C-alpha atoms as a PDB file:
ATOM      1  CA  UNK A   1      24.595  12.693  47.725  1.00  0.00           C
ATOM      2  CA  UNK A   2      24.261  13.093  43.894  1.00  0.00           C
ATOM      3  CA  UNK A   3      27.614  14.377  42.737  1.00  0.00           C
ATOM      4  CA  UNK A   4      28.149  16.405  39.819  1.00  0.00           C
ATOM      5  CA  UNK A   5      31.798  17.138  37.981  1.00  0.00           C
ATOM      6  CA  UNK A   6      32.139  19.849  35.337  1.00  0.00           C
ATOM      7  CA  UNK A   7      35.697  19.440  33.814  1.00  0.00           C
ATOM      8  CA  UNK A   8      37.280  15.971  33.627  1.00  0.00           C
ATOM      9  CA  UNK A   9      40.626  16.698  32.011  1.00  0.00           C
ATOM     10  CA  UNK A  10      43.899  15.700  33.373  1.00  0.00           C
ATOM     11  CA  UNK A  11      43.144  16.136  37.154  1.00  0.00           C
ATOM     12  CA  UNK A  12      39.643  15.861  36.905  1.00  0.00           C
ATOM     13  CA  UNK A  13      38.786  12.520  35.267  1.00  0.00           C
ATOM     14  CA  UNK A  14      40.792  10.452  37.862  1.00  0.00           C
ATOM     15  CA  UNK A  15      38.987  12.457  40.697  1.00  0.00           C
ATOM     16  CA  UNK A  16      35.629  11.791  39.320  1.00  0.00           C
ATOM     17  CA  UNK A  17      36.361   8.467  38.931  1.00  0.00           C
ATOM     18  CA  UNK A  18      37.531   7.722  42.498  1.00  0.00           C
ATOM     19  CA  UNK A  19      34.093   9.426  43.507  1.00  0.00           C
ATOM     20  CA  UNK A  20      32.449   7.003  41.410  1.00  0.00           C
ATOM     21  CA  UNK A  21      34.574   4.296  42.648  1.00  0.00           C
ATOM     22  CA  UNK A  22      33.699   5.274  46.126  1.00  0.00           C
ATOM     23  CA  UNK A  23      29.787   4.426  45.530  1.00  0.00           C
ATOM     24  CA  UNK A  24      28.496   8.109  44.815  1.00  0.00           C
ATOM     25  CA  UNK A  25      25.892   8.563  41.934  1.00  0.00           C
ATOM     26  CA  UNK A  26      28.119  11.096  39.587  1.00  0.00           C
ATOM     27  CA  UNK A  27      26.986  12.888  36.645  1.00  0.00           C
ATOM     28  CA  UNK A  28      29.886  14.391  34.324  1.00  0.00           C
ATOM     29  CA  UNK A  29      30.235  16.942  31.501  1.00  0.00           C
ATOM     30  CA  UNK A  30      33.102  17.860  29.739  1.00  0.00           C
ATOM     31  CA  UNK A  31      34.245  20.000  26.629  1.00  0.00           C
ATOM     32  CA  UNK A  32      35.874  17.120  25.238  1.00  0.00           C
ATOM     33  CA  UNK A  33      34.207  13.365  24.884  1.00  0.00           C
ATOM     34  CA  UNK A  34      37.104  10.687  25.356  1.00  0.00           C
ATOM     35  CA  UNK A  35      36.879  11.411  29.120  1.00  0.00           C
ATOM     36  CA  UNK A  36      33.052  11.093  29.087  1.00  0.00           C
ATOM     37  CA  UNK A  37      33.125   7.955  27.636  1.00  0.00           C
ATOM     38  CA  UNK A  38      35.581   6.338  29.973  1.00  0.00           C
ATOM     39  CA  UNK A  39      33.935   7.495  32.887  1.00  0.00           C
ATOM     40  CA  UNK A  40      30.500   6.485  31.452  1.00  0.00           C
ATOM     41  CA  UNK A  41      32.167   2.750  31.228  1.00  0.00           C
ATOM     42  CA  UNK A  42      33.117   3.455  34.696  1.00  0.00           C
ATOM     43  CA  UNK A  43      29.498   3.880  36.027  1.00  0.00           C
ATOM     44  CA  UNK A  44      29.087   7.642  35.758  1.00  0.00           C
ATOM     45  CA  UNK A  45      26.436   9.216  34.128  1.00  0.00           C
ATOM     46  CA  UNK A  46      26.830  11.951  31.131  1.00  0.00           C
ATOM     47  CA  UNK A  47      24.945  15.249  30.734  1.00  0.00           C
ATOM     48  CA  UNK A  48      24.505  17.365  28.171  1.00  0.00           C
ATOM     49  CA  UNK A  49      24.982  20.746  29.230  1.00  0.00           C
ATOM     50  CA  UNK A  50      26.445  22.182  32.335  1.00  0.00           C
ATOM     51  CA  UNK A  51      23.503  23.529  33.836  1.00  0.00           C
ATOM     52  CA  UNK A  52      21.560  19.921  33.539  1.00  0.00           C
ATOM     53  CA  UNK A  53      24.778  18.741  36.089  1.00  0.00           C
ATOM     54  CA  UNK A  54      24.185  22.065  38.474  1.00  0.00           C
ATOM     55  CA  UNK A  55      20.431  21.511  38.801  1.00  0.00           C
ATOM     56  CA  UNK A  56      20.199  17.881  38.971  1.00  0.00           C
ATOM     57  CA  UNK A  57      22.965  17.193  41.610  1.00  0.00           C
ATOM     58  CA  UNK A  58      23.176  18.144  45.358  1.00  0.00           C
ATOM     59  CA  UNK A  59      26.896  19.297  44.849  1.00  0.00           C
ATOM     60  CA  UNK A  60      28.779  20.115  41.768  1.00  0.00           C
ATOM     61  CA  UNK A  61      32.824  19.798  41.772  1.00  0.00           C
ATOM     62  CA  UNK A  62      34.091  22.304  38.953  1.00  0.00           C
ATOM     63  CA  UNK A  63      37.547  21.281  37.532  1.00  0.00           C
ATOM     64  CA  UNK A  64      38.051  23.472  34.481  1.00  0.00           C
ATOM     65  CA  UNK A  65      41.473  24.720  33.221  1.00  0.00           C
ATOM     66  CA  UNK A  66      40.991  28.564  33.804  1.00  0.00           C
ATOM     67  CA  UNK A  67      39.111  31.635  34.739  1.00  0.00           C
ATOM     68  CA  UNK A  68      38.125  32.285  31.065  1.00  0.00           C
ATOM     69  CA  UNK A  69      37.001  28.577  30.788  1.00  0.00           C
ATOM     70  CA  UNK A  70      35.025  28.412  33.715  1.00  0.00           C
ATOM     71  CA  UNK A  71      33.070  32.071  32.732  1.00  0.00           C
ATOM     72  CA  UNK A  72      32.468  30.529  29.257  1.00  0.00           C
ATOM     73  CA  UNK A  73      31.468  27.305  30.380  1.00  0.00           C
ATOM     74  CA  UNK A  74      28.987  28.133  33.337  1.00  0.00           C
ATOM     75  CA  UNK A  75      28.244  31.821  32.303  1.00  0.00           C
ATOM     76  CA  UNK A  76      27.506  32.835  36.268  1.00  0.00           C
ATOM     77  CA  UNK A  77      25.668  35.794  35.251  1.00  0.00           C
ATOM     78  CA  UNK A  78      22.919  34.278  32.840  1.00  0.00           C
ATOM     79  CA  UNK A  79      19.654  33.180  33.500  1.00  0.00           C
ATOM     80  CA  UNK A  80      20.553  29.237  32.998  1.00  0.00           C
ATOM     81  CA  UNK A  81      23.365  29.356  35.543  1.00  0.00           C
ATOM     82  CA  UNK A  82      21.169  31.304  38.126  1.00  0.00           C
ATOM     83  CA  UNK A  83      18.105  28.999  37.621  1.00  0.00           C
ATOM     84  CA  UNK A  84      20.542  25.868  37.802  1.00  0.00           C
ATOM     85  CA  UNK A  85      22.221  26.472  41.071  1.00  0.00           C
ATOM     86  CA  UNK A  86      19.401  27.862  42.816  1.00  0.00           C
ATOM     87  CA  UNK A  87      19.112  25.412  46.103  1.00  0.00           C
ATOM     88  CA  UNK A  88      22.452  23.293  44.996  1.00  0.00           C
ATOM     89  CA  UNK A  89      25.948  23.650  45.825  1.00  0.00           C
ATOM     90  CA  UNK A  90      29.392  24.344  43.767  1.00  0.00           C
ATOM     91  CA  UNK A  91      32.534  23.332  44.847  1.00  0.00           C
ATOM     92  CA  UNK A  92      35.245  25.393  43.515  1.00  0.00           C
ATOM     93  CA  UNK A  93      38.327  22.807  43.147  1.00  0.00           C
ATOM     94  CA  UNK A  94      40.088  24.366  40.229  1.00  0.00           C
ATOM     95  CA  UNK A  95      42.968  27.094  40.830  1.00  0.00           C
ATOM     96  CA  UNK A  96      41.850  30.413  39.990  1.00  0.00           C
ATOM     97  CA  UNK A  97      42.595  33.698  41.508  1.00  0.00           C
ATOM     98  CA  UNK A  98      41.135  34.654  44.903  1.00  0.00           C
ATOM     99  CA  UNK A  99      39.261  37.502  43.217  1.00  0.00           C
ATOM    100  CA  UNK A 100      37.627  35.469  40.623  1.00  0.00           C
ATOM    101  CA  UNK A 101      36.801  32.437  43.206  1.00  0.00           C
ATOM    102  CA  UNK A 102      35.270  35.701  45.239  1.00  0.00           C
ATOM    103  CA  UNK A 103      33.170  36.515  42.809  1.00  0.00           C
ATOM    104  CA  UNK A 104      32.175  33.169  41.649  1.00  0.00           C
ATOM    105  CA  UNK A 105      30.732  32.545  45.176  1.00  0.00           C
ATOM    106  CA  UNK A 106      29.071  35.612  45.099  1.00  0.00           C
ATOM    107  CA  UNK A 107      26.992  34.583  41.952  1.00  0.00           C
ATOM    108  CA  UNK A 108      26.406  31.326  43.458  1.00  0.00           C
ATOM    109  CA  UNK A 109      24.869  32.776  46.647  1.00  0.00           C
ATOM    110  CA  UNK A 110      23.083  35.476  44.962  1.00  0.00           C
ATOM    111  CA  UNK A 111      21.578  32.865  43.147  1.00  0.00           C
ATOM    112  CA  UNK A 112      20.294  30.997  46.079  1.00  0.00           C
ATOM    113  CA  UNK A 113      22.946  28.225  46.029  1.00  0.00           C
ATOM    114  CA  UNK A 114      25.936  27.599  48.223  1.00  0.00           C
ATOM    115  CA  UNK A 115      29.743  27.799  47.846  1.00  0.00           C
ATOM    116  CA  UNK A 116      32.803  26.267  49.003  1.00  0.00           C
ATOM    117  CA  UNK A 117      36.386  26.069  47.597  1.00  0.00           C
ATOM    118  CA  UNK A 118      38.532  22.784  47.929  1.00  0.00           C
ATOM    119  CA  UNK A 119      41.267  23.493  45.789  1.00  0.00           C
ATOM    120  CA  UNK A 120      43.848  20.517  45.950  1.00  0.00           C
ATOM    121  CA  UNK A 121      47.741  19.750  46.158  1.00  0.00           C
ATOM    122  CA  UNK A 122      48.980  17.160  43.751  1.00  0.00           C
ATOM    123  CA  UNK A 123      49.259  16.287  40.468  1.00  0.00           C
ATOM    124  CA  UNK A 124      47.853  13.312  38.246  1.00  0.00           C
ATOM    125  CA  UNK A 125      49.410  10.378  40.119  1.00  0.00           C
ATOM    126  CA  UNK A 126      48.094  11.507  43.548  1.00  0.00           C
ATOM    127  CA  UNK A 127      44.588  12.268  41.725  1.00  0.00           C
ATOM    128  CA  UNK A 128      44.659   8.793  40.500  1.00  0.00           C
ATOM    129  CA  UNK A 129      45.488   7.066  44.006  1.00  0.00           C
ATOM    130  CA  UNK A 130      42.897   9.130  45.942  1.00  0.00           C
ATOM    131  CA  UNK A 131      46.242  10.784  47.476  1.00  0.00           C
ATOM    132  CA  UNK A 132      45.601  14.875  47.041  1.00  0.00           C
ATOM    133  CA  UNK A 133      45.413  17.465  49.684  1.00  0.00           C
ATOM    134  CA  UNK A 134      42.003  19.576  49.701  1.00  0.00           C
ATOM    135  CA  UNK A 135      42.259  23.138  51.390  1.00  0.00           C
ATOM    136  CA  UNK A 136      38.892  24.187  51.732  1.00  0.00           C
ATOM    137  CA  UNK A 137      37.036  26.887  52.962  1.00  0.00           C
ATOM    138  CA  UNK A 138      33.228  27.560  53.472  1.00  0.00           C
ATOM    139  CA  UNK A 139      30.552  26.742  55.735  1.00  0.00           C
ATOM    140  CA  UNK A 140      31.531  24.177  58.233  1.00  0.00           C
ATOM    141  CA  UNK A 141      28.109  22.541  58.038  1.00  0.00           C
ATOM    142  CA  UNK A 142      28.447  22.030  54.003  1.00  0.00           C
ATOM    143  CA  UNK A 143      32.223  20.921  54.257  1.00  0.00           C
ATOM    144  CA  UNK A 144      30.689  18.104  56.653  1.00  0.00           C
ATOM    145  CA  UNK A 145      28.311  17.060  54.311  1.00  0.00           C
ATOM    146  CA  UNK A 146      31.150  16.935  51.460  1.00  0.00           C
ATOM    147  CA  UNK A 147      33.795  15.103  53.784  1.00  0.00           C
ATOM    148  CA  UNK A 148      32.732  11.510  52.366  1.00  0.00           C
ATOM    149  CA  UNK A 149      32.937  12.871  48.708  1.00  0.00           C
ATOM    150  CA  UNK A 150      36.476  14.546  49.451  1.00  0.00           C
ATOM    151  CA  UNK A 151      37.898  11.747  51.050  1.00  0.00           C
ATOM    152  CA  UNK A 152      37.019   9.531  48.379  1.00  0.00           C
ATOM    153  CA  UNK A 153      39.891  11.955  46.345  1.00  0.00           C
ATOM    154  CA  UNK A 154      42.115  13.127  49.013  1.00  0.00           C
ATOM    155  CA  UNK A 155      44.224  11.575  51.818  1.00  0.00           C
ATOM    156  CA  UNK A 156      43.938  14.800  54.088  1.00  0.00           C
ATOM    157  CA  UNK A 157      41.124  17.572  53.952  1.00  0.00           C
ATOM    158  CA  UNK A 158      42.144  20.867  55.410  1.00  0.00           C
ATOM    159  CA  UNK A 159      40.138  23.617  56.767  1.00  0.00           C
ATOM    160  CA  UNK A 160      40.992  26.913  55.891  1.00  0.00           C
ATOM    161  CA  UNK A 161      38.312  29.484  57.139  1.00  0.00           C
ATOM    162  CA  UNK A 162      36.026  31.071  54.686  1.00  0.00           C
ATOM    163  CA  UNK A 163      36.602  31.731  50.796  1.00  0.00           C
ATOM    164  CA  UNK A 164      39.008  32.819  49.194  1.00  0.00           C
ATOM    165  CA  UNK A 165      40.937  31.512  51.980  1.00  0.00           C
ATOM    166  CA  UNK A 166      41.232  27.838  50.516  1.00  0.00           C
ATOM    167  CA  UNK A 167      42.888  29.593  47.443  1.00  0.00           C
ATOM    168  CA  UNK A 168      45.402  31.460  49.024  1.00  0.00           C
ATOM    169  CA  UNK A 169      46.453  28.497  51.088  1.00  0.00           C
ATOM    170  CA  UNK A 170      46.788  26.830  47.769  1.00  0.00           C
ATOM    171  CA  UNK A 171      48.941  29.614  46.585  1.00  0.00           C
ATOM    172  CA  UNK A 172      51.267  29.334  49.364  1.00  0.00           C
ATOM    173  CA  UNK A 173      51.809  25.400  49.214  1.00  0.00           C
ATOM    174  CA  UNK A 174      52.459  26.006  45.096  1.00  0.00           C
ATOM    175  CA  UNK A 175      55.077  28.516  45.967  1.00  0.00           C
ATOM    176  CA  UNK A 176      56.941  25.923  47.791  1.00  0.00           C
ATOM    177  CA  UNK A 177      55.860  23.072  45.260  1.00  0.00           C
ATOM    178  CA  UNK A 178      57.349  25.262  42.358  1.00  0.00           C
ATOM    179  CA  UNK A 179      60.350  26.228  43.950  1.00  0.00           C
ATOM    180  CA  UNK A 180      61.129  22.348  44.851  1.00  0.00           C
ATOM    181  CA  UNK A 181      60.505  20.878  41.286  1.00  0.00           C
ATOM    182  CA  UNK A 182      62.492  23.517  39.727  1.00  0.00           C
ATOM    183  CA  UNK A 183      65.588  23.160  42.044  1.00  0.00           C
ATOM    184  CA  UNK A 184      65.633  19.516  41.694  1.00  0.00           C
ATOM    185  CA  UNK A 185      65.470  19.846  37.958  1.00  0.00           C
ATOM    186  CA  UNK A 186      68.298  22.417  37.937  1.00  0.00           C
ATOM    187  CA  UNK A 187      70.245  19.981  40.393  1.00  0.00           C
ATOM    188  CA  UNK A 188      69.608  17.083  37.997  1.00  0.00           C
ATOM    189  CA  UNK A 189      71.058  19.385  35.057  1.00  0.00           C
ATOM    190  CA  UNK A 190      74.138  20.136  37.226  1.00  0.00           C
ATOM    191  CA  UNK A 191      74.618  16.312  37.782  1.00  0.00           C
ATOM    192  CA  UNK A 192      73.949  15.331  34.180  1.00  0.00           C
ATOM    193  CA  UNK A 193      76.467  18.155  32.734  1.00  0.00           C
ATOM    194  CA  UNK A 194      79.254  16.873  35.372  1.00  0.00           C
ATOM    195  CA  UNK A 195      78.999  13.435  34.125  1.00  0.00           C
ATOM    196  CA  UNK A 196      78.008  12.135  37.470  1.00  0.00           C
ATOM    197  CA  UNK A 197      76.153   8.737  37.697  1.00  0.00           C
ATOM    198  CA  UNK A 198      72.587   9.902  37.600  1.00  0.00           C
ATOM    199  CA  UNK A 199      71.433   6.645  39.624  1.00  0.00           C
ATOM    200  CA  UNK A 200      73.732   7.648  42.533  1.00  0.00           C
ATOM    201  CA  UNK A 201      72.574  11.131  42.436  1.00  0.00           C
ATOM    202  CA  UNK A 202      69.268  10.049  42.782  1.00  0.00           C
ATOM    203  CA  UNK A 203      69.890   7.994  45.629  1.00  0.00           C
ATOM    204  CA  UNK A 204      71.600  10.703  47.260  1.00  0.00           C
ATOM    205  CA  UNK A 205      68.444  12.598  47.215  1.00  0.00           C
ATOM    206  CA  UNK A 206      66.182   9.892  47.916  1.00  0.00           C
ATOM    207  CA  UNK A 207      68.035   8.305  51.057  1.00  0.00           C
ATOM    208  CA  UNK A 208      68.432  11.753  53.088  1.00  0.00           C
ATOM    209  CA  UNK A 209      66.682  14.525  54.644  1.00  0.00           C
ATOM    210  CA  UNK A 210      65.574  15.885  51.130  1.00  0.00           C
ATOM    211  CA  UNK A 211      63.397  12.666  50.535  1.00  0.00           C
ATOM    212  CA  UNK A 212      59.915  13.080  49.493  1.00  0.00           C
ATOM    213  CA  UNK A 213      57.445  11.630  47.380  1.00  0.00           C
ATOM    214  CA  UNK A 214      57.294  14.094  44.827  1.00  0.00           C
ATOM    215  CA  UNK A 215      61.339  14.289  44.468  1.00  0.00           C
ATOM    216  CA  UNK A 216      61.213  10.593  44.050  1.00  0.00           C
ATOM    217  CA  UNK A 217      58.499  10.533  41.262  1.00  0.00           C
ATOM    218  CA  UNK A 218      60.008  13.346  39.160  1.00  0.00           C
ATOM    219  CA  UNK A 219      63.647  12.083  39.413  1.00  0.00           C
ATOM    220  CA  UNK A 220      62.287   8.621  38.345  1.00  0.00           C
ATOM    221  CA  UNK A 221      60.518  10.944  35.237  1.00  0.00           C
ATOM    222  CA  UNK A 222      63.884  12.459  34.757  1.00  0.00           C
ATOM    223  CA  UNK A 223      65.655   9.165  34.817  1.00  0.00           C
ATOM    224  CA  UNK A 224      63.479   7.425  32.220  1.00  0.00           C
ATOM    225  CA  UNK A 225      63.059  10.611  30.200  1.00  0.00           C
ATOM    226  CA  UNK A 226      59.483  10.349  30.641  1.00  0.00           C
ATOM    227  CA  UNK A 227      58.251  13.703  30.628  1.00  0.00           C
ATOM    228  CA  UNK A 228      54.648  12.990  29.923  1.00  0.00           C
ATOM    229  CA  UNK A 229      52.442  15.413  32.090  1.00  0.00           C
ATOM    230  CA  UNK A 230      51.159  14.726  35.476  1.00  0.00           C
ATOM    231  CA  UNK A 231      51.251  18.429  36.264  1.00  0.00           C
ATOM    232  CA  UNK A 232      51.747  20.170  32.857  1.00  0.00           C
ATOM    233  CA  UNK A 233      53.929  22.946  32.225  1.00  0.00           C
ATOM    234  CA  UNK A 234      51.266  25.483  30.834  1.00  0.00           C
ATOM    235  CA  UNK A 235      49.153  24.543  34.304  1.00  0.00           C
ATOM    236  CA  UNK A 236      52.415  25.205  36.499  1.00  0.00           C
ATOM    237  CA  UNK A 237      53.042  28.473  34.345  1.00  0.00           C
ATOM    238  CA  UNK A 238      49.442  29.466  34.907  1.00  0.00           C
ATOM    239  CA  UNK A 239      49.566  28.908  39.078  1.00  0.00           C
ATOM    240  CA  UNK A 240      53.107  30.714  38.982  1.00  0.00           C
ATOM    241  CA  UNK A 241      51.407  33.939  37.569  1.00  0.00           C
ATOM    242  CA  UNK A 242      48.513  33.778  39.542  1.00  0.00           C
ATOM    243  CA  UNK A 243      50.623  33.674  42.820  1.00  0.00           C
ATOM    244  CA  UNK A 244      52.749  36.435  41.373  1.00  0.00           C
ATOM    245  CA  UNK A 245      49.881  38.714  40.825  1.00  0.00           C
ATOM    246  CA  UNK A 246      48.674  37.961  44.235  1.00  0.00           C
ATOM    247  CA  UNK A 247      51.953  38.743  45.699  1.00  0.00           C
ATOM    248  CA  UNK A 248      52.374  41.914  43.895  1.00  0.00           C
ATOM    249  CA  UNK A 249      48.830  42.866  44.797  1.00  0.00           C
ATOM    250  CA  UNK A 250      50.054  42.668  48.537  1.00  0.00           C
ATOM    251  CA  UNK A 251      53.244  44.108  47.772  1.00  0.00           C
ATOM    252  CA  UNK A 252      55.274  40.913  48.582  1.00  0.00           C
ATOM    253  CA  UNK A 253      58.362  40.150  47.535  1.00  0.00           C
ATOM    254  CA  UNK A 254      58.685  36.593  45.800  1.00  0.00           C
ATOM    255  CA  UNK A 255      62.249  36.420  44.302  1.00  0.00           C
ATOM    256  CA  UNK A 256      62.164  32.260  44.117  1.00  0.00           C
ATOM    257  CA  UNK A 257      58.836  32.446  42.397  1.00  0.00           C
ATOM    258  CA  UNK A 258      59.704  35.024  39.970  1.00  0.00           C
ATOM    259  CA  UNK A 259      62.888  32.977  38.712  1.00  0.00           C
ATOM    260  CA  UNK A 260      60.665  29.839  38.290  1.00  0.00           C
ATOM    261  CA  UNK A 261      58.220  32.263  36.445  1.00  0.00           C
ATOM    262  CA  UNK A 262      60.638  33.264  33.771  1.00  0.00           C
ATOM    263  CA  UNK A 263      62.079  29.765  33.453  1.00  0.00           C
ATOM    264  CA  UNK A 264      58.418  28.400  32.981  1.00  0.00           C
ATOM    265  CA  UNK A 265      57.639  30.887  30.321  1.00  0.00           C
ATOM    266  CA  UNK A 266      60.719  29.924  28.734  1.00  0.00           C
ATOM    267  CA  UNK A 267      59.809  26.417  28.367  1.00  0.00           C
ATOM    268  CA  UNK A 268      56.492  27.171  27.202  1.00  0.00           C
ATOM    269  CA  UNK A 269      58.023  29.738  24.609  1.00  0.00           C
ATOM    270  CA  UNK A 270      60.291  27.304  23.353  1.00  0.00           C
ATOM    271  CA  UNK A 271      57.853  24.292  22.706  1.00  0.00           C
ATOM    272  CA  UNK A 272      57.562  22.555  25.753  1.00  0.00           C
ATOM    273  CA  UNK A 273      54.228  23.093  26.524  1.00  0.00           C
ATOM    274  CA  UNK A 274      53.505  18.997  26.761  1.00  0.00           C
ATOM    275  CA  UNK A 275      55.773  18.431  29.223  1.00  0.00           C
ATOM    276  CA  UNK A 276      55.578  17.665  32.843  1.00  0.00           C
ATOM    277  CA  UNK A 277      56.391  20.452  35.007  1.00  0.00           C
ATOM    278  CA  UNK A 278      60.017  18.703  35.427  1.00  0.00           C
ATOM    279  CA  UNK A 279      60.116  19.257  32.028  1.00  0.00           C
ATOM    280  CA  UNK A 280      61.577  22.867  32.816  1.00  0.00           C
ATOM    281  CA  UNK A 281      65.062  21.187  32.856  1.00  0.00           C
ATOM    282  CA  UNK A 282      64.868  21.651  29.043  1.00  0.00           C
ATOM    283  CA  UNK A 283      64.690  25.646  29.635  1.00  0.00           C
ATOM    284  CA  UNK A 284      67.740  25.173  32.053  1.00  0.00           C
ATOM    285  CA  UNK A 285      69.515  23.103  29.595  1.00  0.00           C
ATOM    286  CA  UNK A 286      68.855  25.926  26.836  1.00  0.00           C
ATOM    287  CA  UNK A 287      70.418  28.583  29.088  1.00  0.00           C
ATOM    288  CA  UNK A 288      73.426  26.679  29.656  1.00  0.00           C
ATOM    289  CA  UNK A 289      73.748  26.337  25.553  1.00  0.00           C
ATOM    290  CA  UNK A 290      73.026  30.119  25.190  1.00  0.00           C
ATOM    291  CA  UNK A 291      75.856  30.622  28.100  1.00  0.00           C
ATOM    292  CA  UNK A 292      78.310  28.468  26.398  1.00  0.00           C
ATOM    293  CA  UNK A 293      77.796  29.812  22.997  1.00  0.00           C
ATOM    294  CA  UNK A 294      78.650  33.469  24.171  1.00  0.00           C
END
């Protein structure tokens, strides 16, 4: 299978690199050049346009950042897209609204292509080590064909039904993820403000029933003061917003998610866009400062 990648940024680059390393012929396109140069050195082939990727590959993975970017790059209503995708597959691995995913699938199928969803749970570090979890939706035969490609990036590939069930499953998982990391940041802030030994705090979390891989990673980042992004605050805020909009549309209450939404927005508003999601601790610290100033 010739595999395409459109979008090789924070997550897409290590994902594409793992597919190359697994022995697949990979063709890549990206808006910025440095990731393309690195992937070429690893054995991928650079394409000049996204439509070149679509028409030359059996299946193309799309890992672009937002709905607007995906629409602007692919132009799914345009002639170039329809001609390029006919007879080929599009694998939607980015996080968008369920409604956008459904429209994109309609555009692909209307042009004579095939479409599956495969959004992933995990950040940069699991992407680098091939430890993502894919939540797929689509025709089972197509998913069978894609299984070896997805296995190069993911340690689990789950099947969720028909699109946009993969996107909705990702939303459900992300409610837990966002609340978990935000709670960990708040707990760390409390321990720090109480002048507790932070190594002992981390050991307490990592030694009991609350221990989990993401807690260990995020606590290590907090202790070392290394808040370089694995899952960046703007991306987490975008995901939070998409989930909140889906919940409002379904008339569902999401009290924890709504609180997290406010905190990530405050983090963005106060200049913390370049931090990892656990950097939301800075927004929590600012709330403490405001409280003490009253």
